[in-house]
N, C-alpha and C. Protein backbone atom coordinates (compact mmCIF):
# COMPACT_ATOMS: atom_id res chain seq x y z
N MET A 1 8.78 -6.36 -14.25
CA MET A 1 9.97 -6.74 -13.54
C MET A 1 10.24 -5.72 -12.46
N GLU A 2 10.43 -6.19 -11.18
CA GLU A 2 10.68 -5.20 -10.00
C GLU A 2 11.87 -4.34 -10.18
N LYS A 3 11.88 -3.32 -9.72
CA LYS A 3 13.09 -2.55 -9.93
C LYS A 3 13.50 -2.04 -8.43
N ASP A 4 14.66 -2.41 -7.78
CA ASP A 4 15.07 -2.15 -6.56
C ASP A 4 14.23 -2.88 -5.62
N PHE A 5 13.57 -3.92 -6.07
CA PHE A 5 12.79 -4.92 -5.17
C PHE A 5 11.34 -4.34 -4.91
N VAL A 6 10.90 -3.18 -5.39
CA VAL A 6 9.65 -2.54 -5.27
C VAL A 6 8.76 -3.04 -6.25
N ASP A 7 7.54 -3.47 -5.95
CA ASP A 7 6.91 -4.10 -6.95
C ASP A 7 6.26 -3.09 -7.95
N VAL A 8 5.76 -1.71 -7.51
CA VAL A 8 5.31 -0.79 -8.28
C VAL A 8 5.69 0.66 -7.81
N SER A 9 6.08 1.49 -8.62
CA SER A 9 6.55 2.87 -8.09
C SER A 9 5.66 3.90 -9.20
N PHE A 10 5.17 5.01 -8.74
CA PHE A 10 4.62 6.10 -9.43
C PHE A 10 4.71 7.35 -8.82
N SER A 11 4.24 8.35 -9.58
CA SER A 11 3.99 9.74 -9.07
C SER A 11 2.70 10.31 -9.49
N VAL A 12 1.96 10.87 -8.36
CA VAL A 12 0.76 11.57 -8.78
C VAL A 12 0.89 12.87 -7.96
N GLY A 13 0.60 13.93 -8.55
CA GLY A 13 0.36 15.18 -7.99
C GLY A 13 1.49 15.73 -7.15
N GLY A 14 2.86 15.41 -7.70
CA GLY A 14 3.89 15.78 -7.20
C GLY A 14 4.40 14.93 -5.95
N GLN A 15 3.80 13.81 -5.74
CA GLN A 15 4.11 12.71 -4.75
C GLN A 15 4.53 11.45 -5.12
N ASP A 16 5.62 10.99 -4.69
CA ASP A 16 6.18 9.65 -5.22
C ASP A 16 5.58 8.58 -4.27
N PHE A 17 5.13 7.41 -4.96
CA PHE A 17 4.55 6.28 -4.20
C PHE A 17 5.33 5.01 -4.53
N ILE A 18 5.47 4.19 -3.62
CA ILE A 18 5.94 2.71 -3.78
C ILE A 18 4.85 1.78 -3.20
N CYS A 19 4.79 0.69 -3.89
CA CYS A 19 3.70 -0.07 -3.74
C CYS A 19 4.27 -1.59 -3.57
N GLU A 20 3.58 -2.24 -2.77
CA GLU A 20 3.77 -3.88 -2.59
C GLU A 20 2.42 -4.56 -2.79
N ILE A 21 2.60 -5.48 -3.63
CA ILE A 21 1.37 -6.23 -4.15
C ILE A 21 1.58 -7.64 -3.46
N LYS A 22 0.50 -8.09 -2.76
CA LYS A 22 0.36 -9.29 -2.16
C LYS A 22 -0.90 -10.21 -2.57
N VAL A 23 -0.68 -11.26 -2.82
CA VAL A 23 -1.96 -12.04 -3.02
C VAL A 23 -1.98 -13.33 -2.10
N THR A 24 -3.12 -13.75 -1.70
CA THR A 24 -3.24 -14.71 -0.83
C THR A 24 -3.46 -16.12 -1.33
N ARG A 25 -2.99 -16.33 -2.53
CA ARG A 25 -3.07 -17.71 -3.17
C ARG A 25 -2.30 -18.56 -2.24
N ASN A 26 -0.99 -18.29 -1.95
CA ASN A 26 -0.10 -19.19 -1.31
C ASN A 26 0.20 -18.81 0.13
N LEU A 27 -0.39 -17.62 0.55
CA LEU A 27 -0.21 -17.04 1.89
C LEU A 27 -1.46 -16.78 2.58
N THR A 28 -1.64 -16.83 3.92
CA THR A 28 -2.71 -16.22 4.71
C THR A 28 -2.72 -14.81 4.50
N LEU A 29 -3.79 -14.13 4.83
CA LEU A 29 -3.89 -12.56 4.97
C LEU A 29 -2.92 -12.10 5.81
N ALA A 30 -2.78 -12.82 7.09
CA ALA A 30 -1.74 -12.22 7.89
C ALA A 30 -0.36 -12.43 7.48
N GLN A 31 -0.05 -13.36 6.86
CA GLN A 31 1.27 -13.55 6.19
C GLN A 31 1.57 -12.43 5.05
N ALA A 32 0.69 -12.23 4.10
CA ALA A 32 0.75 -11.21 3.14
C ALA A 32 0.80 -9.84 3.65
N PHE A 33 -0.05 -9.64 4.65
CA PHE A 33 0.15 -8.28 5.47
C PHE A 33 1.57 -7.91 6.18
N ARG A 34 2.04 -8.97 6.80
CA ARG A 34 3.43 -8.74 7.50
C ARG A 34 4.46 -8.69 6.29
N ALA A 35 4.45 -9.47 5.28
CA ALA A 35 5.42 -9.35 4.07
C ALA A 35 5.40 -7.93 3.57
N ALA A 36 4.26 -7.44 3.12
CA ALA A 36 4.06 -6.19 2.56
C ALA A 36 4.45 -5.17 3.36
N LEU A 37 3.93 -5.26 4.70
CA LEU A 37 4.48 -4.20 5.63
C LEU A 37 5.84 -4.07 5.92
N GLY A 38 6.50 -5.07 6.05
CA GLY A 38 7.88 -5.12 6.30
C GLY A 38 8.67 -4.56 5.07
N GLN A 39 8.23 -5.14 3.90
CA GLN A 39 8.89 -4.58 2.74
C GLN A 39 8.80 -3.00 2.43
N LEU A 40 7.62 -2.52 2.75
CA LEU A 40 7.21 -1.10 2.50
C LEU A 40 8.16 -0.24 3.41
N LEU A 41 8.28 -0.80 4.71
CA LEU A 41 9.02 -0.03 5.60
C LEU A 41 10.51 -0.25 5.42
N ASP A 42 10.87 -1.30 4.89
CA ASP A 42 12.28 -1.42 4.66
C ASP A 42 12.77 -0.53 3.39
N TYR A 43 11.97 -0.77 2.30
CA TYR A 43 12.25 0.08 0.96
C TYR A 43 12.15 1.53 1.09
N SER A 44 11.28 2.02 1.95
CA SER A 44 11.19 3.55 2.09
C SER A 44 12.19 4.23 2.93
N HIS A 45 12.61 3.60 3.79
CA HIS A 45 13.48 4.03 4.71
C HIS A 45 14.82 4.72 4.19
N PRO A 46 15.53 3.91 3.14
CA PRO A 46 16.83 4.61 2.75
C PRO A 46 16.77 5.84 1.96
N ARG A 47 15.35 6.27 1.43
CA ARG A 47 15.46 7.37 0.50
C ARG A 47 15.80 8.66 1.11
N VAL A 48 16.61 9.48 0.59
CA VAL A 48 17.07 10.68 1.30
C VAL A 48 16.19 11.82 0.36
N GLY A 49 15.99 12.76 1.07
CA GLY A 49 15.12 14.03 0.58
C GLY A 49 13.62 13.86 0.72
N LYS A 50 12.67 13.86 -0.25
CA LYS A 50 11.39 13.73 -0.34
C LYS A 50 10.95 12.29 0.09
N PRO A 51 10.33 12.08 0.95
CA PRO A 51 9.89 10.66 1.32
C PRO A 51 8.85 10.09 0.36
N TRP A 52 8.99 8.85 0.28
CA TRP A 52 7.80 7.91 -0.40
C TRP A 52 6.72 8.00 0.33
N GLN A 53 5.52 7.97 -0.49
CA GLN A 53 4.19 7.45 0.22
C GLN A 53 4.17 6.07 -0.05
N MET A 54 3.72 5.30 0.79
CA MET A 54 3.58 3.79 0.68
C MET A 54 2.02 3.40 0.51
N VAL A 55 2.06 2.47 -0.39
CA VAL A 55 0.79 1.71 -0.60
C VAL A 55 1.03 0.10 -0.75
N MET A 56 -0.10 -0.42 0.04
CA MET A 56 -0.16 -1.87 -0.06
C MET A 56 -1.34 -2.31 -0.75
N PHE A 57 -1.09 -3.27 -1.78
CA PHE A 57 -2.18 -3.79 -2.48
C PHE A 57 -2.54 -5.15 -1.96
N LEU A 58 -3.67 -5.44 -1.65
CA LEU A 58 -4.05 -6.77 -1.14
C LEU A 58 -5.25 -7.33 -2.06
N ASP A 59 -5.39 -8.59 -1.79
CA ASP A 59 -6.55 -9.26 -2.54
C ASP A 59 -7.78 -9.44 -1.63
N GLN A 60 -7.54 -9.20 -0.22
CA GLN A 60 -8.69 -9.39 0.70
C GLN A 60 -8.67 -8.09 1.66
N ARG A 61 -9.87 -7.77 2.24
CA ARG A 61 -9.91 -6.77 3.08
C ARG A 61 -9.12 -6.98 4.38
N LEU A 62 -8.49 -5.89 5.05
CA LEU A 62 -7.93 -6.10 6.27
C LEU A 62 -8.82 -5.84 7.52
N ASP A 63 -8.58 -6.53 8.56
CA ASP A 63 -9.35 -6.36 9.71
C ASP A 63 -9.13 -4.93 10.47
N GLN A 64 -9.96 -4.52 11.27
CA GLN A 64 -9.62 -3.20 11.75
C GLN A 64 -8.40 -2.90 12.59
N ARG A 65 -7.91 -3.73 13.15
CA ARG A 65 -6.65 -3.85 13.92
C ARG A 65 -5.54 -3.49 12.98
N ARG A 66 -5.50 -4.21 11.86
CA ARG A 66 -4.19 -4.07 10.95
C ARG A 66 -4.60 -2.87 10.21
N LEU A 67 -5.78 -2.40 9.94
CA LEU A 67 -6.01 -1.21 9.15
C LEU A 67 -5.69 -0.03 9.98
N LYS A 68 -5.90 0.05 11.23
CA LYS A 68 -5.40 1.12 12.28
C LYS A 68 -3.95 1.09 12.08
N LEU A 69 -3.23 0.05 12.17
CA LEU A 69 -1.81 0.15 12.19
C LEU A 69 -1.23 0.77 10.91
N THR A 70 -1.92 0.46 9.69
CA THR A 70 -1.25 0.95 8.40
C THR A 70 -1.75 2.43 8.64
N SER A 71 -2.74 2.89 9.04
CA SER A 71 -3.06 4.35 9.16
C SER A 71 -2.10 4.89 10.25
N VAL A 72 -1.69 4.52 11.24
CA VAL A 72 -0.76 5.11 12.06
C VAL A 72 0.67 5.23 11.26
N LEU A 73 0.95 4.29 10.52
CA LEU A 73 2.28 4.24 9.77
C LEU A 73 2.19 4.92 8.53
N LYS A 74 1.02 5.49 8.08
CA LYS A 74 0.78 6.29 6.88
C LYS A 74 0.99 5.51 5.74
N ILE A 75 0.64 4.19 5.83
CA ILE A 75 0.50 3.30 4.58
C ILE A 75 -0.80 3.17 3.89
N ALA A 76 -1.16 3.61 3.02
CA ALA A 76 -2.47 3.36 2.29
C ALA A 76 -2.65 1.83 1.88
N VAL A 77 -3.81 1.46 1.90
CA VAL A 77 -4.36 0.12 1.64
C VAL A 77 -5.37 0.12 0.48
N VAL A 78 -4.86 -0.51 -0.54
CA VAL A 78 -5.80 -0.78 -1.59
C VAL A 78 -6.27 -2.19 -1.88
N VAL A 79 -7.58 -2.42 -1.98
CA VAL A 79 -7.99 -3.77 -2.02
C VAL A 79 -8.62 -4.09 -3.39
N GLY A 80 -8.29 -5.11 -4.26
CA GLY A 80 -8.95 -5.54 -5.38
C GLY A 80 -10.45 -6.01 -4.93
N ASP A 81 -11.44 -5.44 -5.41
CA ASP A 81 -12.75 -5.80 -5.36
C ASP A 81 -13.57 -6.06 -6.64
N GLY A 82 -13.40 -7.29 -7.11
CA GLY A 82 -14.15 -7.55 -8.40
C GLY A 82 -13.08 -6.98 -9.43
N GLU A 83 -13.86 -6.12 -10.23
CA GLU A 83 -13.04 -5.64 -11.25
C GLU A 83 -12.40 -4.12 -10.94
N LYS A 84 -12.62 -3.65 -9.68
CA LYS A 84 -12.15 -2.43 -9.36
C LYS A 84 -11.37 -2.46 -8.03
N PHE A 85 -10.70 -1.37 -7.78
CA PHE A 85 -9.69 -1.33 -6.63
C PHE A 85 -10.25 -0.22 -5.65
N VAL A 86 -10.33 -0.57 -4.47
CA VAL A 86 -10.92 0.09 -3.21
C VAL A 86 -9.82 0.72 -2.43
N LEU A 87 -9.88 1.87 -2.12
CA LEU A 87 -8.98 2.52 -1.11
C LEU A 87 -9.62 2.54 0.25
N LEU A 88 -9.00 1.60 1.14
CA LEU A 88 -9.60 1.53 2.51
C LEU A 88 -9.14 2.72 3.35
N ASP A 89 -9.76 3.19 4.29
CA ASP A 89 -9.36 4.24 5.14
C ASP A 89 -9.07 5.61 4.25
N PRO A 90 -10.02 6.01 3.43
CA PRO A 90 -9.56 7.16 2.53
C PRO A 90 -9.32 8.37 3.28
N ASP A 91 -9.73 8.54 4.58
CA ASP A 91 -9.58 9.90 5.50
C ASP A 91 -8.16 9.88 5.65
N GLY A 92 -7.31 8.83 5.73
CA GLY A 92 -5.84 9.04 6.32
C GLY A 92 -5.02 8.76 4.90
N ALA A 93 -5.59 8.52 3.69
CA ALA A 93 -4.71 8.36 2.60
C ALA A 93 -4.50 9.67 1.95
N PRO A 94 -3.29 9.73 1.30
CA PRO A 94 -2.81 11.03 0.61
C PRO A 94 -3.93 11.29 -0.51
N PRO A 95 -4.37 12.56 -0.55
CA PRO A 95 -5.17 13.22 -1.47
C PRO A 95 -5.01 12.47 -2.90
N PRO A 96 -3.90 12.43 -3.53
CA PRO A 96 -3.86 11.99 -4.98
C PRO A 96 -4.53 10.57 -5.10
N LEU A 97 -4.40 9.76 -4.11
CA LEU A 97 -4.91 8.26 -4.41
C LEU A 97 -6.44 8.41 -4.38
N LYS A 98 -7.03 9.35 -3.53
CA LYS A 98 -8.60 9.38 -3.62
C LYS A 98 -9.04 9.72 -4.94
N ALA A 99 -8.35 10.37 -5.81
CA ALA A 99 -8.73 10.55 -7.20
C ALA A 99 -8.56 9.33 -8.07
N ILE A 100 -7.65 8.44 -7.71
CA ILE A 100 -7.34 7.26 -8.56
C ILE A 100 -8.36 6.08 -8.32
N PHE A 101 -8.33 5.93 -6.94
CA PHE A 101 -9.04 4.63 -6.39
C PHE A 101 -10.44 4.95 -5.85
N GLU A 102 -11.47 3.98 -6.05
CA GLU A 102 -12.77 4.19 -5.43
C GLU A 102 -12.50 4.19 -3.81
N THR A 103 -13.62 4.76 -3.16
CA THR A 103 -13.43 4.92 -1.79
C THR A 103 -14.68 4.21 -1.18
């Protein structure tokens, strides 16, 4: 069950993360991306003190234009790839995520 509308939250290495999970069963990839992006930006903004790190989980890989946008906004993108999860753009992702997800 979501808490405060956030799909998943966790802490690793002293950093707090919020995550939005979007699947494209009933959405296009563009719609899923926009929904996750808006939710992450909206939910991360009100936090006072130490900021949240943001992660978007998708079931399809993003195109380079959208991936560049997430990089600029410091949003990590993780994609389900078979039975594993792959961190896209690992150079721009927070270091604790590199230890959890394949790159």
